[in-house]
C-alpha atoms as a PDB file:
ATOM      1  CA  UNK A   1       4.648  -8.129  21.159  1.00  0.00           C
ATOM      2  CA  UNK A   2       6.858 -10.049  18.716  1.00  0.00           C
ATOM      3  CA  UNK A   3       8.337  -8.452  15.650  1.00  0.00           C
ATOM      4  CA  UNK A   4       7.096  -8.952  12.104  1.00  0.00           C
ATOM      5  CA  UNK A   5       8.559  -9.602   8.676  1.00  0.00           C
ATOM      6  CA  UNK A   6       7.764  -7.768   5.459  1.00  0.00           C
ATOM      7  CA  UNK A   7       7.765 -10.043   2.451  1.00  0.00           C
ATOM      8  CA  UNK A   8       6.497 -10.152  -1.088  1.00  0.00           C
ATOM      9  CA  UNK A   9       2.850 -11.241  -1.171  1.00  0.00           C
ATOM     10  CA  UNK A  10       1.943 -14.602  -2.631  1.00  0.00           C
ATOM     11  CA  UNK A  11      -1.355 -15.795  -4.094  1.00  0.00           C
ATOM     12  CA  UNK A  12      -2.080 -17.425  -0.734  1.00  0.00           C
ATOM     13  CA  UNK A  13      -2.132 -13.939   0.845  1.00  0.00           C
ATOM     14  CA  UNK A  14      -4.942 -12.645  -1.398  1.00  0.00           C
ATOM     15  CA  UNK A  15      -7.840 -13.459   1.007  1.00  0.00           C
ATOM     16  CA  UNK A  16      -6.094 -11.717   3.929  1.00  0.00           C
ATOM     17  CA  UNK A  17      -5.226  -8.685   1.804  1.00  0.00           C
ATOM     18  CA  UNK A  18      -8.788  -8.372   0.487  1.00  0.00           C
ATOM     19  CA  UNK A  19     -10.151  -8.677   4.034  1.00  0.00           C
ATOM     20  CA  UNK A  20      -7.951  -5.771   5.161  1.00  0.00           C
ATOM     21  CA  UNK A  21      -8.920  -3.703   2.102  1.00  0.00           C
ATOM     22  CA  UNK A  22     -12.594  -4.251   2.950  1.00  0.00           C
ATOM     23  CA  UNK A  23     -12.212  -3.489   6.667  1.00  0.00           C
ATOM     24  CA  UNK A  24     -13.285   0.160   6.656  1.00  0.00           C
ATOM     25  CA  UNK A  25     -16.334   2.108   5.465  1.00  0.00           C
ATOM     26  CA  UNK A  26     -14.849   2.961   2.053  1.00  0.00           C
ATOM     27  CA  UNK A  27     -13.367  -0.461   1.397  1.00  0.00           C
ATOM     28  CA  UNK A  28     -16.557  -2.199   2.454  1.00  0.00           C
ATOM     29  CA  UNK A  29     -18.287  -0.479  -0.486  1.00  0.00           C
ATOM     30  CA  UNK A  30     -15.566  -1.361  -3.023  1.00  0.00           C
ATOM     31  CA  UNK A  31     -14.288  -4.818  -2.105  1.00  0.00           C
ATOM     32  CA  UNK A  32     -15.894  -8.255  -2.097  1.00  0.00           C
ATOM     33  CA  UNK A  33     -14.192 -11.489  -1.138  1.00  0.00           C
ATOM     34  CA  UNK A  34     -17.173 -13.338  -2.637  1.00  0.00           C
ATOM     35  CA  UNK A  35     -15.582 -13.231  -6.108  1.00  0.00           C
ATOM     36  CA  UNK A  36     -11.841 -14.041  -5.979  1.00  0.00           C
ATOM     37  CA  UNK A  37     -11.380 -14.015  -9.776  1.00  0.00           C
ATOM     38  CA  UNK A  38     -10.623 -10.282 -10.250  1.00  0.00           C
ATOM     39  CA  UNK A  39      -8.231 -10.277  -7.278  1.00  0.00           C
ATOM     40  CA  UNK A  40      -6.322 -13.285  -8.622  1.00  0.00           C
ATOM     41  CA  UNK A  41      -6.075 -11.712 -12.084  1.00  0.00           C
ATOM     42  CA  UNK A  42      -4.827  -8.439 -10.569  1.00  0.00           C
ATOM     43  CA  UNK A  43      -2.342 -10.311  -8.389  1.00  0.00           C
ATOM     44  CA  UNK A  44      -0.982 -12.158 -11.432  1.00  0.00           C
ATOM     45  CA  UNK A  45      -0.451  -8.842 -13.275  1.00  0.00           C
ATOM     46  CA  UNK A  46       1.274  -7.312 -10.254  1.00  0.00           C
ATOM     47  CA  UNK A  47       3.441 -10.350  -9.678  1.00  0.00           C
ATOM     48  CA  UNK A  48       4.748 -10.291 -13.280  1.00  0.00           C
ATOM     49  CA  UNK A  49       5.555  -6.563 -13.248  1.00  0.00           C
ATOM     50  CA  UNK A  50       9.088  -5.821 -11.954  1.00  0.00           C
ATOM     51  CA  UNK A  51       8.038  -2.271 -10.999  1.00  0.00           C
ATOM     52  CA  UNK A  52       5.401  -3.521  -8.548  1.00  0.00           C
ATOM     53  CA  UNK A  53       5.928  -4.701  -5.012  1.00  0.00           C
ATOM     54  CA  UNK A  54       2.835  -6.008  -3.287  1.00  0.00           C
ATOM     55  CA  UNK A  55       3.993  -6.837   0.215  1.00  0.00           C
ATOM     56  CA  UNK A  56       2.530  -8.143   3.430  1.00  0.00           C
ATOM     57  CA  UNK A  57       3.615  -7.730   7.020  1.00  0.00           C
ATOM     58  CA  UNK A  58       3.425 -11.015   8.905  1.00  0.00           C
ATOM     59  CA  UNK A  59       3.542 -11.364  12.678  1.00  0.00           C
ATOM     60  CA  UNK A  60       3.480 -14.798  14.297  1.00  0.00           C
ATOM     61  CA  UNK A  61       2.365 -16.405  11.026  1.00  0.00           C
ATOM     62  CA  UNK A  62      -0.553 -14.008  10.595  1.00  0.00           C
ATOM     63  CA  UNK A  63      -0.893 -11.358   7.872  1.00  0.00           C
ATOM     64  CA  UNK A  64      -1.308  -8.053   9.705  1.00  0.00           C
ATOM     65  CA  UNK A  65      -0.511  -5.397   7.103  1.00  0.00           C
ATOM     66  CA  UNK A  66      -0.097  -4.754   3.402  1.00  0.00           C
ATOM     67  CA  UNK A  67       0.834  -2.136   0.855  1.00  0.00           C
ATOM     68  CA  UNK A  68       1.656  -1.830  -2.804  1.00  0.00           C
ATOM     69  CA  UNK A  69       4.740   0.068  -3.929  1.00  0.00           C
ATOM     70  CA  UNK A  70       4.999   1.054  -7.582  1.00  0.00           C
ATOM     71  CA  UNK A  71       8.269   2.354  -9.058  1.00  0.00           C
ATOM     72  CA  UNK A  72       7.737   4.706 -12.001  1.00  0.00           C
ATOM     73  CA  UNK A  73      10.552   5.871 -14.252  1.00  0.00           C
ATOM     74  CA  UNK A  74       9.801   9.213 -15.857  1.00  0.00           C
ATOM     75  CA  UNK A  75      11.099  12.148 -17.844  1.00  0.00           C
ATOM     76  CA  UNK A  76       9.931  14.948 -15.557  1.00  0.00           C
ATOM     77  CA  UNK A  77      12.216  16.207 -12.814  1.00  0.00           C
ATOM     78  CA  UNK A  78      15.228  15.576 -15.050  1.00  0.00           C
ATOM     79  CA  UNK A  79      14.388  11.942 -15.720  1.00  0.00           C
ATOM     80  CA  UNK A  80      13.560  11.135 -12.119  1.00  0.00           C
ATOM     81  CA  UNK A  81      12.198   7.853 -10.880  1.00  0.00           C
ATOM     82  CA  UNK A  82       9.451   8.110  -8.292  1.00  0.00           C
ATOM     83  CA  UNK A  83       7.378   5.657  -6.331  1.00  0.00           C
ATOM     84  CA  UNK A  84       3.747   5.513  -5.349  1.00  0.00           C
ATOM     85  CA  UNK A  85       2.503   3.893  -2.165  1.00  0.00           C
ATOM     86  CA  UNK A  86      -0.994   2.470  -2.540  1.00  0.00           C
ATOM     87  CA  UNK A  87      -3.411   0.229  -0.660  1.00  0.00           C
ATOM     88  CA  UNK A  88      -1.892   0.658   2.797  1.00  0.00           C
ATOM     89  CA  UNK A  89      -3.851  -1.380   5.308  1.00  0.00           C
ATOM     90  CA  UNK A  90      -3.191  -2.549   8.837  1.00  0.00           C
ATOM     91  CA  UNK A  91      -5.264  -5.276  10.469  1.00  0.00           C
ATOM     92  CA  UNK A  92      -7.766  -3.732  12.905  1.00  0.00           C
ATOM     93  CA  UNK A  93      -6.236  -5.210  16.032  1.00  0.00           C
ATOM     94  CA  UNK A  94      -2.739  -4.016  15.018  1.00  0.00           C
ATOM     95  CA  UNK A  95      -3.620  -0.351  14.495  1.00  0.00           C
ATOM     96  CA  UNK A  96      -1.724   1.888  16.873  1.00  0.00           C
ATOM     97  CA  UNK A  97       1.060  -0.686  17.340  1.00  0.00           C
ATOM     98  CA  UNK A  98       3.609   1.161  15.169  1.00  0.00           C
ATOM     99  CA  UNK A  99       3.276  -1.384  12.378  1.00  0.00           C
ATOM    100  CA  UNK A 100       1.941   1.204   9.907  1.00  0.00           C
ATOM    101  CA  UNK A 101       4.909   3.471  10.572  1.00  0.00           C
ATOM    102  CA  UNK A 102       7.364   0.634  10.036  1.00  0.00           C
ATOM    103  CA  UNK A 103       5.605  -0.465   6.849  1.00  0.00           C
ATOM    104  CA  UNK A 104       5.783   3.063   5.393  1.00  0.00           C
ATOM    105  CA  UNK A 105       9.413   3.368   6.493  1.00  0.00           C
ATOM    106  CA  UNK A 106      10.110   0.127   4.623  1.00  0.00           C
ATOM    107  CA  UNK A 107       8.454   1.543   1.477  1.00  0.00           C
ATOM    108  CA  UNK A 108      10.487   4.757   1.701  1.00  0.00           C
ATOM    109  CA  UNK A 109      13.734   2.796   2.185  1.00  0.00           C
ATOM    110  CA  UNK A 110      12.868   0.504  -0.737  1.00  0.00           C
ATOM    111  CA  UNK A 111      12.143   3.589  -2.865  1.00  0.00           C
ATOM    112  CA  UNK A 112      15.567   5.012  -2.013  1.00  0.00           C
ATOM    113  CA  UNK A 113      17.178   1.675  -2.843  1.00  0.00           C
ATOM    114  CA  UNK A 114      15.481   1.850  -6.262  1.00  0.00           C
ATOM    115  CA  UNK A 115      16.892   5.348  -6.859  1.00  0.00           C
ATOM    116  CA  UNK A 116      13.595   7.173  -6.477  1.00  0.00           C
ATOM    117  CA  UNK A 117      13.793  10.900  -5.827  1.00  0.00           C
ATOM    118  CA  UNK A 118      10.190  11.200  -4.661  1.00  0.00           C
ATOM    119  CA  UNK A 119       7.636   9.047  -2.870  1.00  0.00           C
ATOM    120  CA  UNK A 120       3.998   9.963  -3.308  1.00  0.00           C
ATOM    121  CA  UNK A 121       0.665   8.615  -2.199  1.00  0.00           C
ATOM    122  CA  UNK A 122      -2.965   9.558  -2.237  1.00  0.00           C
ATOM    123  CA  UNK A 123      -5.476   9.236   0.541  1.00  0.00           C
ATOM    124  CA  UNK A 124      -9.225   9.629   0.271  1.00  0.00           C
ATOM    125  CA  UNK A 125     -10.337  13.086   1.406  1.00  0.00           C
ATOM    126  CA  UNK A 126     -12.453  11.532   4.167  1.00  0.00           C
ATOM    127  CA  UNK A 127      -9.534   9.684   5.820  1.00  0.00           C
ATOM    128  CA  UNK A 128      -8.548  12.469   8.213  1.00  0.00           C
ATOM    129  CA  UNK A 129      -6.730  10.136  10.635  1.00  0.00           C
ATOM    130  CA  UNK A 130      -4.676   8.742   7.747  1.00  0.00           C
ATOM    131  CA  UNK A 131      -3.765  12.277   6.679  1.00  0.00           C
ATOM    132  CA  UNK A 132      -2.429  13.038  10.154  1.00  0.00           C
ATOM    133  CA  UNK A 133      -0.502   9.745  10.101  1.00  0.00           C
ATOM    134  CA  UNK A 134       1.190  10.529   6.770  1.00  0.00           C
ATOM    135  CA  UNK A 135       1.968  14.114   7.795  1.00  0.00           C
ATOM    136  CA  UNK A 136       3.550  12.822  10.991  1.00  0.00           C
ATOM    137  CA  UNK A 137       5.842  10.700   8.791  1.00  0.00           C
ATOM    138  CA  UNK A 138       6.931  13.752   6.784  1.00  0.00           C
ATOM    139  CA  UNK A 139       4.556  13.600   3.827  1.00  0.00           C
ATOM    140  CA  UNK A 140       3.092  16.933   2.708  1.00  0.00           C
ATOM    141  CA  UNK A 141      -0.342  17.519   1.221  1.00  0.00           C
ATOM    142  CA  UNK A 142       1.158  19.351  -1.751  1.00  0.00           C
ATOM    143  CA  UNK A 143      -1.223  18.596  -4.624  1.00  0.00           C
ATOM    144  CA  UNK A 144      -4.883  18.247  -5.408  1.00  0.00           C
ATOM    145  CA  UNK A 145      -5.742  14.884  -6.919  1.00  0.00           C
ATOM    146  CA  UNK A 146      -8.301  14.134  -9.593  1.00  0.00           C
ATOM    147  CA  UNK A 147      -9.892  10.843 -10.623  1.00  0.00           C
ATOM    148  CA  UNK A 148     -12.021   9.838 -13.564  1.00  0.00           C
ATOM    149  CA  UNK A 149     -13.896   6.548 -13.108  1.00  0.00           C
ATOM    150  CA  UNK A 150     -13.809   4.484 -16.308  1.00  0.00           C
ATOM    151  CA  UNK A 151     -16.369   1.878 -15.330  1.00  0.00           C
END
């Protein structure tokens, strides 16, 4: 199988990204390609923010993976900068190919390049396979996360 490139997402990638976000039981409940307006507005905000990297993995001209990397300067940990990996998705027919590992490795390397001292991510409690995947890559389930829906 040919290699892939990781590049910054463009507005043209939005439909493929949304399709991957919706391609699982949780995403199918949260995402809808029927209304592109909120996705375009979110993309525009991300694209203007220098601390955001929305990227896609492209193989043979086809978008096969995505993630968002956010770099957060902070005061805790002696003024440490950290990053958050969010929205990791691999196209269904690419799962198990090693693409997810390489995409996460890219995010970790990019975080180091940005001077981050910590990379963190969250994963829904029901995504047991994803938890095993992240643990295999060296991530530790070290905290309990909380969310408060605002709408």
